[in-house]
Amino acid sequence: MTTSCSDAEKSTWPELLGKWGEVAVNTIRMENHYLHVVTVADGMIVTMEYRCDRVRVWLDKKGYVKQIPMIG
């Protein structure tokens, strides 16, 4: 079980760049079910706090991953 930020085996998912958003979310959840994975639509405003239990998956207007998903 992941208990701190440094415990995560993987912190970024560059291989998901350009993939369909739902596929990216499911992939991250399968790899680490302790993470809270959320999608962020193009143009949405989000808070800036760092959370080591969260991955934001930034999507373009068509629903594809536009930034490398990472813990934070």
Protein backbone atom coordinates (compact mmCIF):
# COMPACT_ATOMS: atom_id res chain seq x y z
CA MET A 1 0.00 0.00 0.00
CA THR A 2 1.25 3.47 -0.86
CA THR A 3 1.52 5.53 2.32
CA SER A 4 3.69 8.47 1.29
CA CYS A 5 4.72 10.34 -1.82
CA SER A 6 8.03 8.53 -2.03
CA ASP A 7 6.38 5.08 -1.84
CA ALA A 8 4.84 5.26 -5.32
CA GLU A 9 6.58 2.94 -7.76
CA LYS A 10 5.63 5.14 -10.69
CA SER A 11 4.90 8.86 -10.69
CA THR A 12 4.45 9.70 -14.39
CA TRP A 13 2.77 8.01 -17.37
CA PRO A 14 4.37 9.43 -20.56
CA GLU A 15 3.13 6.46 -22.58
CA LEU A 16 -0.46 7.75 -22.14
CA LEU A 17 0.13 11.05 -23.93
CA GLY A 18 -2.30 11.21 -26.88
CA LYS A 19 -4.40 8.27 -25.64
CA TRP A 20 -8.15 8.42 -25.11
CA GLY A 21 -8.82 9.88 -21.63
CA GLU A 22 -10.89 6.97 -20.33
CA VAL A 23 -8.16 4.51 -21.34
CA ALA A 24 -5.55 6.61 -19.53
CA VAL A 25 -7.62 6.81 -16.33
CA ASN A 26 -8.27 3.06 -16.31
CA THR A 27 -4.59 2.29 -16.97
CA ILE A 28 -3.41 4.43 -14.05
CA ARG A 29 -6.07 2.97 -11.73
CA MET A 30 -5.06 -0.58 -12.69
CA GLU A 31 -1.39 0.17 -12.01
CA ASN A 32 -2.03 1.85 -8.64
CA HIS A 33 -5.51 1.59 -7.17
CA TYR A 34 -4.53 3.81 -4.21
CA LEU A 35 -4.36 6.89 -6.43
CA HIS A 36 -7.31 9.22 -6.95
CA VAL A 37 -7.35 9.72 -10.72
CA VAL A 38 -9.34 12.63 -12.11
CA THR A 39 -9.81 14.06 -15.58
CA VAL A 40 -9.46 17.76 -16.23
CA ALA A 41 -11.10 19.17 -19.35
CA ASP A 42 -9.34 21.76 -21.48
CA GLY A 43 -9.78 25.21 -19.92
CA MET A 44 -10.85 24.04 -16.45
CA ILE A 45 -9.46 25.84 -13.41
CA VAL A 46 -7.97 23.64 -10.69
CA THR A 47 -6.41 24.17 -7.27
CA MET A 48 -2.63 24.25 -7.12
CA GLU A 49 -1.94 22.17 -4.00
CA TYR A 50 0.30 19.14 -4.39
CA ARG A 51 -1.25 15.81 -3.42
CA CYS A 52 0.77 12.62 -3.65
CA ASP A 53 -2.41 10.53 -3.83
CA ARG A 54 -3.80 12.25 -6.94
CA VAL A 55 -3.17 12.11 -10.67
CA ARG A 56 -4.80 14.64 -12.95
CA VAL A 57 -5.33 13.53 -16.52
CA TRP A 58 -5.52 16.70 -18.66
CA LEU A 59 -7.69 16.24 -21.75
CA ASP A 60 -7.99 18.24 -24.95
CA LYS A 61 -11.38 19.22 -26.39
CA LYS A 62 -11.69 15.85 -28.14
CA GLY A 63 -11.01 13.82 -24.97
CA TYR A 64 -7.40 12.83 -25.60
CA VAL A 65 -4.58 13.19 -23.06
CA LYS A 66 -2.74 16.45 -23.77
CA GLN A 67 -0.17 16.43 -20.93
CA ILE A 68 1.81 13.61 -19.38
CA PRO A 69 -0.22 12.42 -16.38
CA MET A 70 1.75 12.66 -13.13
CA ILE A 71 1.24 12.43 -9.40
CA GLY A 72 0.55 15.79 -7.87
